Amino acid sequence: MPRFKIQASRELAAKLLNTQPEEIAFVGPTTMGLSYVANGLQFRKRDNILIYHDDYPSNVYPWMALAERGVEVRLMNVRELGKIRAVDVQGQVDENTKLVALASCHFVSGWRINIPAIGKFLRQRGILFCVDGIQTVGAFSTTVEHIDFLAADAHKWLLGPCAAGIFYVRQEVQERLRPTVVGWNNVRCPNYVAQEELTFRPGAHRYEAGSDNLLGLVGLHAAMELLLEVGIENIASELLRKRTWLVPAIQEKDCTVLHAAAPPENASAIVTFFRKDADMRELHQKLEAANIITSLRSDRSGQQYIRLSPHFYNTDEELRRVLECL
């Protein structure tokens, strides 16, 4: 894959996030991008960060590890699974909070956070905002005007290969985020000759230490072209249309749907449900036997759920097959 093609991929990713190519890096999985942020920032004792303990572990463990460096890791309190509102963030940060790390959409409950409202509040107070965007990038508008860092692998709603994700770092904070992995690709080395000093390449390229995942980037490039051609707003409208009729139809099957009444700005294409006193693992296996691919998830209490994640290309008829199996 020629260098100019990689630059073209940066431009596509930048268009998807409404930012500049110089703020886009390709470092692989979401976990890697989030870990680069956790390990590359300088924290002092008494600093604290705010996270949500019931987020996907990729957005929990890198931050928990900071406790070894004397950072206070605060776990956000919310009333319902994944339902994080701007007011929840506002009430749980203080003058020592240096960073808030949240997911753009909860991987089980499907609740989408209000990124602009949370981001504006944090920016005004000088608090960094890091977002795990894997559950919305490619499905809903996920622009980064009010975000400092974002990581999203390609194998979810982006429709790309695994480990070919996007890593966004706002230009104004790139000097604060020290590259924690160093190699030939992110340090200047003319003619592949090691120099006496480490001089990092400009822009987010400084976080790409080694050889690029060329096969993955080819797939990611094609996927982004497809999504941008269809249009993210068109995709989002179609996903919410599906949800509008699917949620009540599932409720009619004596099932409880998480955040069934979520307003459009917080709703997503993730539709997660359970049936009281039912064996959800058995139901999951029944769906799988019918060639209906769902996810079996559980919360901290052990309650199990079935998660549906239809994308824009799934048909209403395919979703009706799910209802028949229920």
Protein backbone atom coordinates (compact mmCIF):
# COMPACT_ATOMS: atom_id res chain seq x y z
CA MET A 1 0.00 0.00 0.00
CA PRO A 2 1.78 3.20 -1.14
CA ARG A 3 2.34 6.04 1.30
CA PHE A 4 -0.06 8.27 -0.62
CA LYS A 5 -2.80 5.66 -0.12
CA ILE A 6 -2.27 5.74 3.64
CA GLN A 7 -2.59 9.51 3.49
CA ALA A 8 -5.84 9.08 1.56
CA SER A 9 -7.08 6.82 4.36
CA ARG A 10 -6.22 9.52 6.91
CA GLU A 11 -8.26 11.97 4.88
CA LEU A 12 -11.25 9.62 4.83
CA ALA A 13 -11.02 9.06 8.59
CA ALA A 14 -10.71 12.80 9.15
CA LYS A 15 -13.83 13.40 7.06
CA LEU A 16 -15.68 10.76 9.07
CA LEU A 17 -14.77 12.49 12.36
CA ASN A 18 -14.89 16.07 11.00
CA THR A 19 -11.26 16.83 11.76
CA GLN A 20 -7.86 17.13 10.01
CA PRO A 21 -5.69 14.27 8.68
CA GLU A 22 -2.82 15.46 10.92
CA GLU A 23 -4.91 14.40 13.92
CA ILE A 24 -5.45 10.82 12.71
CA ALA A 25 -3.20 7.84 13.45
CA PHE A 26 -3.61 4.14 12.69
CA VAL A 27 -2.42 2.18 15.71
CA GLY A 28 -4.73 -0.85 15.54
CA PRO A 29 -7.25 -1.95 18.19
CA THR A 30 -9.25 0.41 20.39
CA THR A 31 -7.31 -0.97 23.35
CA MET A 32 -4.03 0.30 21.90
CA GLY A 33 -5.27 3.83 21.34
CA LEU A 34 -6.76 4.11 24.83
CA SER A 35 -3.61 2.63 26.38
CA TYR A 36 -1.46 5.16 24.49
CA VAL A 37 -3.47 7.92 26.16
CA ALA A 38 -3.36 6.38 29.63
CA ASN A 39 0.38 5.73 29.47
CA GLY A 40 1.48 8.79 27.52
CA LEU A 41 0.03 11.56 29.69
CA GLN A 42 1.85 12.93 32.69
CA PHE A 43 -0.09 12.71 35.95
CA ARG A 44 0.83 13.88 39.42
CA LYS A 45 -0.13 12.50 42.78
CA ARG A 46 -3.56 13.71 43.89
CA ASP A 47 -4.69 13.95 40.26
CA ASN A 48 -7.84 12.00 39.59
CA ILE A 49 -9.56 10.60 36.52
CA LEU A 50 -13.21 9.64 36.12
CA ILE A 51 -14.25 6.43 34.35
CA TYR A 52 -17.30 4.17 34.19
CA HIS A 53 -16.52 0.79 35.70
CA ASP A 54 -19.17 -1.00 33.65
CA ASP A 55 -17.79 0.14 30.30
CA TYR A 56 -16.14 -2.43 28.05
CA PRO A 57 -12.90 -3.52 29.78
CA SER A 58 -10.76 -1.90 27.04
CA ASN A 59 -11.93 1.43 28.43
CA VAL A 60 -11.51 0.42 32.08
CA TYR A 61 -8.28 -1.50 32.62
CA PRO A 62 -5.84 1.04 31.06
CA TRP A 63 -7.16 3.66 33.47
CA MET A 64 -7.26 1.38 36.50
CA ALA A 65 -3.57 0.67 35.97
CA LEU A 66 -2.82 4.34 36.63
CA ALA A 67 -3.49 3.76 40.32
CA GLU A 68 0.02 2.30 40.49
CA ARG A 69 1.31 5.79 39.59
CA GLY A 70 -0.60 7.43 42.42
CA VAL A 71 -3.55 8.57 40.30
CA GLU A 72 -6.95 8.39 41.96
CA VAL A 73 -9.26 6.41 39.69
CA ARG A 74 -12.85 7.41 40.34
CA LEU A 75 -15.72 5.14 39.27
CA MET A 76 -18.77 6.99 38.04
CA ASN A 77 -22.10 6.40 39.74
CA VAL A 78 -25.19 6.11 37.52
CA ARG A 79 -28.68 4.82 38.21
CA GLU A 80 -29.14 2.63 35.14
CA LEU A 81 -26.70 0.49 33.16
CA GLY A 82 -24.74 2.67 30.76
CA LYS A 83 -27.03 5.69 31.14
CA ILE A 84 -24.46 8.46 31.52
CA ARG A 85 -25.80 12.02 31.31
CA ALA A 86 -23.92 15.29 31.22
CA VAL A 87 -25.18 16.08 34.72
CA ASP A 88 -23.64 12.85 36.01
CA VAL A 89 -20.23 13.96 34.76
CA GLN A 90 -20.64 17.50 36.04
CA GLY A 91 -21.43 16.29 39.54
CA GLN A 92 -18.51 13.86 39.83
CA VAL A 93 -15.45 15.88 38.77
CA ASP A 94 -13.52 18.45 40.80
CA GLU A 95 -10.50 20.74 40.59
CA ASN A 96 -8.13 17.73 40.65
CA THR A 97 -9.81 15.85 37.79
CA LYS A 98 -7.44 15.71 34.82
CA LEU A 99 -9.30 13.36 32.46
CA VAL A 100 -12.68 11.74 31.89
CA ALA A 101 -12.79 8.52 29.82
CA LEU A 102 -16.16 7.33 28.51
CA ALA A 103 -17.62 5.27 25.69
CA SER A 104 -19.68 7.06 23.07
CA CYS A 105 -22.27 4.29 23.43
CA HIS A 106 -22.54 1.57 26.05
CA PHE A 107 -21.75 -1.83 24.60
CA VAL A 108 -24.57 -3.63 26.44
CA SER A 109 -27.36 -1.14 27.03
CA GLY A 110 -26.91 0.86 23.81
CA TRP A 111 -27.21 4.28 25.53
CA ARG A 112 -25.39 7.01 23.53
CA ILE A 113 -23.87 9.82 25.55
CA ASN A 114 -24.19 13.51 24.66
CA ILE A 115 -20.61 14.09 23.53
CA PRO A 116 -20.95 17.85 22.79
CA ALA A 117 -22.56 18.65 26.15
CA ILE A 118 -20.03 16.63 28.15
CA GLY A 119 -17.09 17.78 26.03
CA LYS A 120 -17.93 21.48 26.25
CA PHE A 121 -18.24 21.27 30.02
CA LEU A 122 -14.89 19.49 30.38
CA ARG A 123 -13.07 21.79 27.93
CA GLN A 124 -14.20 24.84 29.90
CA ARG A 125 -12.64 23.34 33.03
CA GLY A 126 -9.42 22.20 31.40
CA ILE A 127 -10.27 18.50 31.81
CA LEU A 128 -9.22 16.15 29.01
CA PHE A 129 -11.91 14.01 27.38
CA CYS A 130 -11.09 10.56 25.97
CA VAL A 131 -13.76 8.60 24.08
CA ASP A 132 -14.03 4.94 23.11
CA GLY A 133 -15.95 5.42 19.88
CA ILE A 134 -16.17 1.86 18.59
CA GLN A 135 -19.95 1.57 19.09
CA THR A 136 -20.88 4.72 17.14
CA VAL A 137 -18.22 5.54 14.52
CA GLY A 138 -19.73 4.38 11.23
CA ALA A 139 -23.29 4.29 12.58
CA PHE A 140 -23.96 7.71 14.10
CA SER A 141 -22.30 11.08 13.75
CA THR A 142 -19.27 10.98 16.07
CA THR A 143 -17.44 14.24 15.50
CA VAL A 144 -14.52 15.27 17.67
CA GLU A 145 -14.83 19.04 18.08
CA HIS A 146 -15.26 18.61 21.84
CA ILE A 147 -13.03 15.55 22.30
CA ASP A 148 -9.28 15.35 22.96
CA PHE A 149 -8.75 11.65 22.18
CA LEU A 150 -10.81 8.98 20.43
CA ALA A 151 -10.08 5.36 19.56
CA ALA A 152 -12.29 3.08 17.47
CA ASP A 153 -11.39 -0.24 15.91
CA ALA A 154 -12.88 -1.02 12.50
CA HIS A 155 -14.60 -4.35 13.08
CA LYS A 156 -17.84 -2.99 14.54
CA TRP A 157 -19.98 -0.35 12.84
CA LEU A 158 -17.12 0.74 10.59
CA LEU A 159 -17.47 -2.61 8.77
CA GLY A 160 -13.71 -3.05 8.47
CA PRO A 161 -11.14 -5.64 9.59
CA CYS A 162 -10.06 -6.25 13.17
CA ALA A 163 -7.07 -4.27 14.45
CA ALA A 164 -7.38 -1.60 11.76
CA GLY A 165 -8.83 1.16 13.90
CA ILE A 166 -8.71 4.95 14.01
CA PHE A 167 -6.88 6.90 16.71
CA TYR A 168 -7.63 10.63 16.99
CA VAL A 169 -5.47 13.04 18.98
CA ARG A 170 -6.39 16.73 19.01
CA GLN A 171 -3.51 18.77 17.62
CA GLU A 172 -3.37 21.08 20.63
CA VAL A 173 -2.67 18.18 23.00
CA GLN A 174 -0.24 16.15 20.87
CA GLU A 175 2.79 17.64 22.63
CA ARG A 176 1.29 16.57 25.96
CA LEU A 177 0.75 12.97 24.84
CA ARG A 178 4.18 11.38 24.79
CA PRO A 179 4.55 8.42 22.39
CA THR A 180 5.09 5.36 24.56
CA VAL A 181 6.15 3.10 21.69
CA VAL A 182 9.14 4.23 19.63
CA GLY A 183 10.37 2.90 16.31
CA TRP A 184 11.50 3.67 12.79
CA ASN A 185 8.10 4.90 11.64
CA ASN A 186 7.41 7.61 14.21
CA VAL A 187 10.96 8.94 14.69
CA ARG A 188 12.85 10.71 11.93
CA CYS A 189 15.51 8.39 10.47
CA PRO A 190 16.59 9.51 6.98
CA ASN A 191 17.56 6.55 4.79
CA TYR A 192 16.75 4.31 7.76
CA VAL A 193 19.83 5.49 9.62
CA ALA A 194 19.32 5.95 13.35
CA GLN A 195 20.04 9.49 14.51
CA GLU A 196 21.65 10.73 17.71
CA GLU A 197 18.42 12.31 18.96
CA LEU A 198 14.79 11.21 18.97
CA THR A 199 12.79 13.61 16.82
CA PHE A 200 9.20 12.54 16.44
CA ARG A 201 7.38 13.00 13.17
CA PRO A 202 4.80 15.79 13.11
CA GLY A 203 1.12 15.25 13.73
CA ALA A 204 -0.53 12.07 14.94
CA HIS A 205 1.97 10.09 12.82
CA ARG A 206 4.16 10.22 15.94
CA TYR A 207 2.02 7.42 17.45
CA GLU A 208 2.64 4.98 14.58
CA ALA A 209 5.89 3.37 15.69
CA GLY A 210 6.29 0.41 13.37
CA SER A 211 5.10 -1.05 10.09
CA ASP A 212 1.54 -0.26 9.09
CA ASN A 213 -1.18 -2.90 9.08
CA LEU A 214 -1.41 -2.62 5.29
CA LEU A 215 -4.01 -5.33 4.70
CA GLY A 216 -6.15 -3.93 7.48
CA LEU A 217 -5.87 -0.41 6.10
CA VAL A 218 -6.94 -1.56 2.65
CA GLY A 219 -10.11 -2.97 4.21
CA LEU A 220 -10.66 0.08 6.41
CA HIS A 221 -10.19 2.40 3.43
CA ALA A 222 -12.84 0.56 1.40
CA ALA A 223 -15.24 0.48 4.36
CA MET A 224 -14.92 4.21 4.99
CA GLU A 225 -15.52 4.93 1.32
CA LEU A 226 -18.71 2.87 1.47
CA LEU A 227 -20.00 4.51 4.65
CA LEU A 228 -19.28 8.02 3.42
CA GLU A 229 -20.96 7.24 0.09
CA VAL A 230 -24.11 6.04 1.84
CA GLY A 231 -23.89 8.94 4.33
CA ILE A 232 -23.64 8.67 8.11
CA GLU A 233 -26.82 10.70 8.63
CA ASN A 234 -28.68 8.36 6.27
CA ILE A 235 -27.31 5.35 8.14
CA ALA A 236 -28.29 6.83 11.52
CA SER A 237 -31.82 7.56 10.30
CA GLU A 238 -32.22 4.00 9.05
CA LEU A 239 -30.93 2.52 12.30
CA LEU A 240 -33.33 4.60 14.40
CA ARG A 241 -36.19 3.66 12.06
CA LYS A 242 -35.48 -0.01 12.67
CA ARG A 243 -35.29 0.54 16.41
CA THR A 244 -38.60 2.41 16.47
CA TRP A 245 -40.62 -0.65 15.43
CA LEU A 246 -38.29 -3.37 16.72
CA VAL A 247 -38.31 -2.33 20.40
CA PRO A 248 -42.11 -2.48 20.92
CA ALA A 249 -42.27 -5.69 18.88
CA ILE A 250 -39.77 -7.32 21.25
CA GLN A 251 -41.66 -5.98 24.27
CA GLU A 252 -44.79 -7.68 22.95
CA LYS A 253 -42.87 -10.95 23.29
CA ASP A 254 -42.84 -10.48 27.07
CA CYS A 255 -39.28 -9.17 27.02
CA THR A 256 -37.74 -6.18 28.77
CA VAL A 257 -35.67 -3.91 26.51
CA LEU A 258 -32.94 -1.80 28.11
CA HIS A 259 -33.55 1.95 27.69
CA ALA A 260 -36.60 1.24 25.56
CA ALA A 261 -37.78 4.84 25.91
CA ALA A 262 -34.39 6.46 25.21
CA PRO A 263 -34.80 9.74 23.27
CA PRO A 264 -33.44 9.75 19.70
CA GLU A 265 -30.28 11.62 20.72
CA ASN A 266 -29.41 8.81 23.15
CA ALA A 267 -30.82 5.81 21.30
CA SER A 268 -28.64 3.55 19.17
CA ALA A 269 -28.97 0.47 16.98
CA ILE A 270 -28.02 -1.74 19.92
CA VAL A 271 -31.24 -3.35 21.17
CA THR A 272 -30.65 -5.41 24.30
CA PHE A 273 -33.35 -7.40 26.06
CA PHE A 274 -34.06 -10.15 28.56
CA ARG A 275 -37.05 -12.21 29.59
CA LYS A 276 -37.72 -12.64 33.28
CA ASP A 277 -37.15 -16.18 34.57
CA ALA A 278 -35.95 -17.32 31.11
CA ASP A 279 -32.65 -19.00 30.29
CA MET A 280 -31.09 -16.39 28.01
CA ARG A 281 -28.19 -18.68 27.13
CA GLU A 282 -30.65 -21.23 25.80
CA LEU A 283 -32.43 -18.54 23.80
CA HIS A 284 -29.11 -17.34 22.41
CA GLN A 285 -28.32 -20.88 21.26
CA LYS A 286 -31.77 -21.16 19.68
CA LEU A 287 -31.17 -17.99 17.68
CA GLU A 288 -27.73 -19.19 16.65
CA ALA A 289 -29.19 -22.49 15.44
CA ALA A 290 -31.53 -20.45 13.25
CA ASN A 291 -28.48 -18.66 11.81
CA ILE A 292 -29.35 -15.45 13.63
CA ILE A 293 -26.18 -13.93 15.05
CA THR A 294 -26.63 -12.12 18.36
CA SER A 295 -24.45 -11.49 21.41
CA LEU A 296 -25.01 -12.99 24.83
CA ARG A 297 -24.05 -10.37 27.41
CA SER A 298 -24.36 -9.99 31.17
CA ASP A 299 -24.08 -7.22 33.72
CA ARG A 300 -22.23 -7.08 37.02
CA SER A 301 -25.14 -8.74 38.86
CA GLY A 302 -25.05 -11.73 36.51
CA GLN A 303 -28.23 -10.86 34.62
CA GLN A 304 -27.90 -12.15 31.07
CA TYR A 305 -29.14 -10.36 27.97
CA ILE A 306 -29.49 -10.89 24.23
CA ARG A 307 -27.98 -8.02 22.24
CA LEU A 308 -29.10 -7.26 18.70
CA SER A 309 -26.90 -4.98 16.60
CA PRO A 310 -28.51 -4.60 13.16
CA HIS A 311 -26.70 -2.33 10.72
CA PHE A 312 -28.18 -0.37 7.84
CA TYR A 313 -27.89 -3.29 5.39
CA ASN A 314 -29.97 -5.64 7.55
CA THR A 315 -33.52 -5.95 6.28
CA ASP A 316 -36.78 -5.72 8.18
CA GLU A 317 -37.49 -9.28 7.12
CA GLU A 318 -34.31 -10.47 8.84
CA LEU A 319 -35.40 -8.75 12.04
CA ARG A 320 -38.87 -10.32 11.80
CA ARG A 321 -37.15 -13.71 11.80
CA VAL A 322 -35.73 -12.78 15.20
CA LEU A 323 -39.23 -12.04 16.46
CA GLU A 324 -40.48 -15.39 15.15
CA CYS A 325 -37.77 -17.17 17.15
CA LEU A 326 -38.84 -15.32 20.27
